[in-house]
Amino acid sequence: MMRRGSSSSYNVVMMNMAYNISLLRLIKISSAVVSSLASTVSVPIAVYFFTLPLPYLGVASSLPTEFEYLRSSHRESIKNSIGLNSS
């Protein structure tokens, strides 16, 4: 017998299983490097999508300042590594 509110935890478990199965399938048809890149890229994409106004979630939250700081500092480190910094 399922208690109230347990359907949301069931959905989380099912989504987690689907995500893990899709990564395992990706390893099977390609390489571990491609799978690692796919899982690495999926986190920032998920962060961005949760800032959008989604149905049933109400008002979307804004990106945290740490996320913006990391993005700008990463951009600066890339510029420095390839010599595009004007200083």
Protein backbone atom coordinates (compact mmCIF):
# COMPACT_ATOMS: atom_id res chain seq x y z
CA MET A 1 0.00 0.00 0.00
CA MET A 2 1.46 3.33 -1.07
CA ARG A 3 1.35 6.26 1.27
CA ARG A 4 0.49 9.76 0.25
CA GLY A 5 3.37 11.60 -1.42
CA SER A 6 5.24 8.44 -2.29
CA SER A 7 4.33 8.75 -5.97
CA SER A 8 6.74 11.67 -6.29
CA SER A 9 9.56 9.60 -4.81
CA TYR A 10 8.57 6.78 -7.17
CA ASN A 11 8.88 9.22 -10.09
CA VAL A 12 12.32 10.33 -8.92
CA VAL A 13 13.50 6.72 -8.69
CA MET A 14 12.11 5.91 -12.13
CA MET A 15 13.75 8.97 -13.70
CA ASN A 16 17.06 8.09 -12.03
CA MET A 17 16.84 4.54 -13.36
CA ALA A 18 16.01 5.80 -16.86
CA TYR A 19 18.97 8.19 -16.73
CA ASN A 20 21.37 5.46 -15.59
CA ILE A 21 20.08 2.98 -18.18
CA SER A 22 20.47 5.56 -20.94
CA LEU A 23 24.07 6.21 -19.86
CA LEU A 24 24.81 2.48 -19.83
CA ARG A 25 23.30 2.14 -23.29
CA LEU A 26 25.42 5.05 -24.47
CA ILE A 27 28.53 3.27 -23.18
CA LYS A 28 27.44 0.13 -25.03
CA ILE A 29 27.03 1.86 -28.40
CA SER A 30 29.93 4.32 -28.09
CA SER A 31 32.80 4.84 -25.66
CA ALA A 32 33.16 5.73 -22.01
CA VAL A 33 34.51 9.15 -23.00
CA VAL A 34 31.31 10.02 -24.86
CA SER A 35 29.24 8.82 -21.92
CA SER A 36 31.31 10.86 -19.48
CA LEU A 37 30.93 13.97 -21.62
CA ALA A 38 27.18 13.42 -21.91
CA SER A 39 26.75 13.11 -18.15
CA THR A 40 28.98 16.14 -17.57
CA VAL A 41 26.99 18.28 -19.99
CA SER A 42 23.63 17.16 -18.60
CA VAL A 43 24.11 18.86 -15.22
CA PRO A 44 24.44 22.48 -16.44
CA ILE A 45 21.64 21.87 -18.92
CA ALA A 46 19.39 20.64 -16.11
CA VAL A 47 20.29 23.70 -14.01
CA TYR A 48 19.33 25.95 -16.91
CA PHE A 49 16.03 24.15 -17.57
CA PHE A 50 14.98 24.44 -13.94
CA THR A 51 15.34 28.23 -14.22
CA LEU A 52 12.65 28.25 -16.92
CA PRO A 53 8.97 28.64 -15.98
CA LEU A 54 7.81 25.03 -15.83
CA PRO A 55 4.17 24.00 -15.37
CA TYR A 56 3.15 22.89 -11.88
CA LEU A 57 6.29 24.40 -10.34
CA GLY A 58 5.20 28.01 -10.21
CA VAL A 59 7.65 30.87 -10.61
CA ALA A 60 11.06 29.84 -11.89
CA SER A 61 14.07 30.57 -9.74
CA SER A 62 17.02 32.55 -11.00
CA LEU A 63 20.50 31.17 -11.46
CA PRO A 64 22.58 31.34 -8.29
CA THR A 65 25.36 33.92 -8.27
CA GLU A 66 27.93 31.15 -7.82
CA PHE A 67 26.84 29.62 -11.11
CA GLU A 68 27.29 32.94 -12.91
CA TYR A 69 30.66 33.46 -11.19
CA LEU A 70 31.88 30.01 -12.22
CA ARG A 71 30.74 30.57 -15.78
CA SER A 72 32.51 33.95 -16.05
CA SER A 73 35.70 32.69 -14.36
CA HIS A 74 35.72 29.65 -16.66
CA ARG A 75 35.37 31.97 -19.65
CA GLU A 76 38.31 34.06 -18.40
CA SER A 77 40.48 30.98 -17.86
CA ILE A 78 39.77 29.85 -21.42
CA LYS A 79 40.70 33.29 -22.75
CA ASN A 80 43.93 33.21 -20.74
CA SER A 81 44.84 29.73 -21.93
CA ILE A 82 44.49 30.59 -25.61
CA GLY A 83 46.00 34.07 -25.28
CA LEU A 84 42.93 36.22 -25.93
CA ASN A 85 43.28 38.26 -22.76
CA SER A 86 43.90 41.92 -23.62
CA SER A 87 45.95 42.68 -20.49
